[in-house]
């Protein structure tokens, strides 16, 4: 059973936006998010680019050398989750609009 979105969905009616144009807009957004996710996943993201930040703060023992990278990864993951949620939002809209008979 599909989960009902917790946000309003557009109502397709004669005085509203053309449903084909509305659908195409959400498909274009969805496609752009998918492409962005590919670019992000192909980009370099490695602890070697962050460990010196801990050394500069004086946190250079074996237990704390990875703190800057861990923080950076958490921040990056937060944005990836937001992208994924926005992608799901567009999918919900596409499926909702497709249920109309136009």
C-alpha atoms as a PDB file:
ATOM      1  CA  UNK A   1       0.000   0.000   0.000  1.00  0.00           C
ATOM      2  CA  UNK A   2       1.342   3.417  -0.971  1.00  0.00           C
ATOM      3  CA  UNK A   3       1.898   6.012   1.703  1.00  0.00           C
ATOM      4  CA  UNK A   4      -0.205   9.163   1.336  1.00  0.00           C
ATOM      5  CA  UNK A   5       2.012  12.253   1.086  1.00  0.00           C
ATOM      6  CA  UNK A   6       1.895  14.662   4.018  1.00  0.00           C
ATOM      7  CA  UNK A   7       1.724  17.696   1.763  1.00  0.00           C
ATOM      8  CA  UNK A   8      -0.904  19.086  -0.608  1.00  0.00           C
ATOM      9  CA  UNK A   9      -1.004  17.783  -4.161  1.00  0.00           C
ATOM     10  CA  UNK A  10      -2.187  19.791  -7.157  1.00  0.00           C
ATOM     11  CA  UNK A  11      -5.777  19.510  -8.254  1.00  0.00           C
ATOM     12  CA  UNK A  12      -6.151  19.092 -12.002  1.00  0.00           C
ATOM     13  CA  UNK A  13      -9.029  21.208 -13.305  1.00  0.00           C
ATOM     14  CA  UNK A  14      -9.970  23.349 -16.328  1.00  0.00           C
ATOM     15  CA  UNK A  15      -8.744  26.606 -14.818  1.00  0.00           C
ATOM     16  CA  UNK A  16      -5.411  25.177 -13.650  1.00  0.00           C
ATOM     17  CA  UNK A  17      -2.058  24.409 -15.228  1.00  0.00           C
ATOM     18  CA  UNK A  18      -2.137  22.008 -18.151  1.00  0.00           C
ATOM     19  CA  UNK A  19      -1.543  18.545 -16.627  1.00  0.00           C
ATOM     20  CA  UNK A  20       0.961  17.593 -19.341  1.00  0.00           C
ATOM     21  CA  UNK A  21       3.024  20.722 -18.632  1.00  0.00           C
ATOM     22  CA  UNK A  22       2.740  20.098 -14.894  1.00  0.00           C
ATOM     23  CA  UNK A  23       3.904  16.505 -15.289  1.00  0.00           C
ATOM     24  CA  UNK A  24       6.776  17.497 -17.582  1.00  0.00           C
ATOM     25  CA  UNK A  25       7.939  20.055 -15.021  1.00  0.00           C
ATOM     26  CA  UNK A  26       8.116  17.455 -12.268  1.00  0.00           C
ATOM     27  CA  UNK A  27       9.788  14.945 -14.595  1.00  0.00           C
ATOM     28  CA  UNK A  28      12.431  17.556 -15.480  1.00  0.00           C
ATOM     29  CA  UNK A  29      13.073  18.280 -11.806  1.00  0.00           C
ATOM     30  CA  UNK A  30      13.302  14.542 -11.084  1.00  0.00           C
ATOM     31  CA  UNK A  31      15.749  14.051 -13.953  1.00  0.00           C
ATOM     32  CA  UNK A  32      17.915  16.959 -12.760  1.00  0.00           C
ATOM     33  CA  UNK A  33      18.055  15.553  -9.223  1.00  0.00           C
ATOM     34  CA  UNK A  34      19.058  12.130 -10.604  1.00  0.00           C
ATOM     35  CA  UNK A  35      21.836  13.743 -12.638  1.00  0.00           C
ATOM     36  CA  UNK A  36      22.996  15.741  -9.603  1.00  0.00           C
ATOM     37  CA  UNK A  37      23.113  12.548  -7.522  1.00  0.00           C
ATOM     38  CA  UNK A  38      25.344  10.945 -10.179  1.00  0.00           C
ATOM     39  CA  UNK A  39      27.686  13.938 -10.197  1.00  0.00           C
ATOM     40  CA  UNK A  40      27.891  13.944  -6.404  1.00  0.00           C
ATOM     41  CA  UNK A  41      28.641  10.217  -6.300  1.00  0.00           C
ATOM     42  CA  UNK A  42      31.396  10.632  -8.904  1.00  0.00           C
ATOM     43  CA  UNK A  43      33.022  13.531  -7.045  1.00  0.00           C
ATOM     44  CA  UNK A  44      36.026  12.983  -4.831  1.00  0.00           C
ATOM     45  CA  UNK A  45      35.232  12.822  -1.129  1.00  0.00           C
ATOM     46  CA  UNK A  46      37.963  11.309   1.033  1.00  0.00           C
ATOM     47  CA  UNK A  47      39.248  11.608   4.590  1.00  0.00           C
ATOM     48  CA  UNK A  48      42.713  12.566   3.304  1.00  0.00           C
ATOM     49  CA  UNK A  49      41.280  15.974   2.458  1.00  0.00           C
ATOM     50  CA  UNK A  50      40.122  16.611   6.038  1.00  0.00           C
ATOM     51  CA  UNK A  51      42.512  15.019   8.514  1.00  0.00           C
ATOM     52  CA  UNK A  52      44.865  18.025   8.555  1.00  0.00           C
ATOM     53  CA  UNK A  53      42.061  20.165   9.990  1.00  0.00           C
ATOM     54  CA  UNK A  54      42.161  18.096  13.190  1.00  0.00           C
ATOM     55  CA  UNK A  55      45.935  18.487  13.376  1.00  0.00           C
ATOM     56  CA  UNK A  56      45.614  22.251  13.059  1.00  0.00           C
ATOM     57  CA  UNK A  57      43.259  22.255  16.045  1.00  0.00           C
ATOM     58  CA  UNK A  58      45.705  20.149  18.080  1.00  0.00           C
ATOM     59  CA  UNK A  59      43.515  17.052  17.949  1.00  0.00           C
ATOM     60  CA  UNK A  60      46.130  14.766  16.496  1.00  0.00           C
ATOM     61  CA  UNK A  61      45.926  11.590  18.532  1.00  0.00           C
ATOM     62  CA  UNK A  62      44.741   8.318  17.028  1.00  0.00           C
ATOM     63  CA  UNK A  63      41.216   8.709  18.411  1.00  0.00           C
ATOM     64  CA  UNK A  64      40.410  12.141  16.989  1.00  0.00           C
ATOM     65  CA  UNK A  65      42.233  12.413  13.644  1.00  0.00           C
ATOM     66  CA  UNK A  66      39.022  11.658  11.761  1.00  0.00           C
ATOM     67  CA  UNK A  67      36.727  14.185  13.501  1.00  0.00           C
ATOM     68  CA  UNK A  68      36.746  16.759  10.686  1.00  0.00           C
ATOM     69  CA  UNK A  69      36.009  14.124   8.058  1.00  0.00           C
ATOM     70  CA  UNK A  70      33.226  12.619  10.168  1.00  0.00           C
ATOM     71  CA  UNK A  71      31.637  16.046  10.545  1.00  0.00           C
ATOM     72  CA  UNK A  72      32.011  16.750   6.822  1.00  0.00           C
ATOM     73  CA  UNK A  73      30.491  13.360   5.972  1.00  0.00           C
ATOM     74  CA  UNK A  74      27.517  13.960   8.267  1.00  0.00           C
ATOM     75  CA  UNK A  75      26.904  17.320   6.592  1.00  0.00           C
ATOM     76  CA  UNK A  76      27.211  15.824   3.101  1.00  0.00           C
ATOM     77  CA  UNK A  77      24.904  12.929   4.031  1.00  0.00           C
ATOM     78  CA  UNK A  78      22.323  15.402   5.362  1.00  0.00           C
ATOM     79  CA  UNK A  79      22.206  17.128   1.975  1.00  0.00           C
ATOM     80  CA  UNK A  80      22.044  13.818   0.098  1.00  0.00           C
ATOM     81  CA  UNK A  81      19.072  12.807   2.248  1.00  0.00           C
ATOM     82  CA  UNK A  82      17.378  16.127   1.464  1.00  0.00           C
ATOM     83  CA  UNK A  83      17.952  15.550  -2.254  1.00  0.00           C
ATOM     84  CA  UNK A  84      16.489  12.073  -1.960  1.00  0.00           C
ATOM     85  CA  UNK A  85      13.445  13.425  -0.133  1.00  0.00           C
ATOM     86  CA  UNK A  86      12.914  16.094  -2.800  1.00  0.00           C
ATOM     87  CA  UNK A  87      13.227  13.420  -5.484  1.00  0.00           C
ATOM     88  CA  UNK A  88      10.517  11.409  -3.702  1.00  0.00           C
ATOM     89  CA  UNK A  89       8.398  14.582  -3.565  1.00  0.00           C
ATOM     90  CA  UNK A  90       8.612  14.897  -7.366  1.00  0.00           C
ATOM     91  CA  UNK A  91       7.788  11.190  -7.788  1.00  0.00           C
ATOM     92  CA  UNK A  92       4.703  11.615  -5.600  1.00  0.00           C
ATOM     93  CA  UNK A  93       3.546  14.521  -7.741  1.00  0.00           C
ATOM     94  CA  UNK A  94       4.150  12.670 -11.001  1.00  0.00           C
ATOM     95  CA  UNK A  95       2.177   9.641  -9.813  1.00  0.00           C
ATOM     96  CA  UNK A  96      -0.611  11.839  -8.434  1.00  0.00           C
ATOM     97  CA  UNK A  97      -1.035  13.770 -11.689  1.00  0.00           C
ATOM     98  CA  UNK A  98      -0.961  10.568 -13.755  1.00  0.00           C
ATOM     99  CA  UNK A  99      -4.028   9.307 -11.870  1.00  0.00           C
ATOM    100  CA  UNK A 100      -6.105  11.992 -13.549  1.00  0.00           C
ATOM    101  CA  UNK A 101      -7.719  11.095 -16.850  1.00  0.00           C
ATOM    102  CA  UNK A 102      -6.616  13.804 -19.274  1.00  0.00           C
END
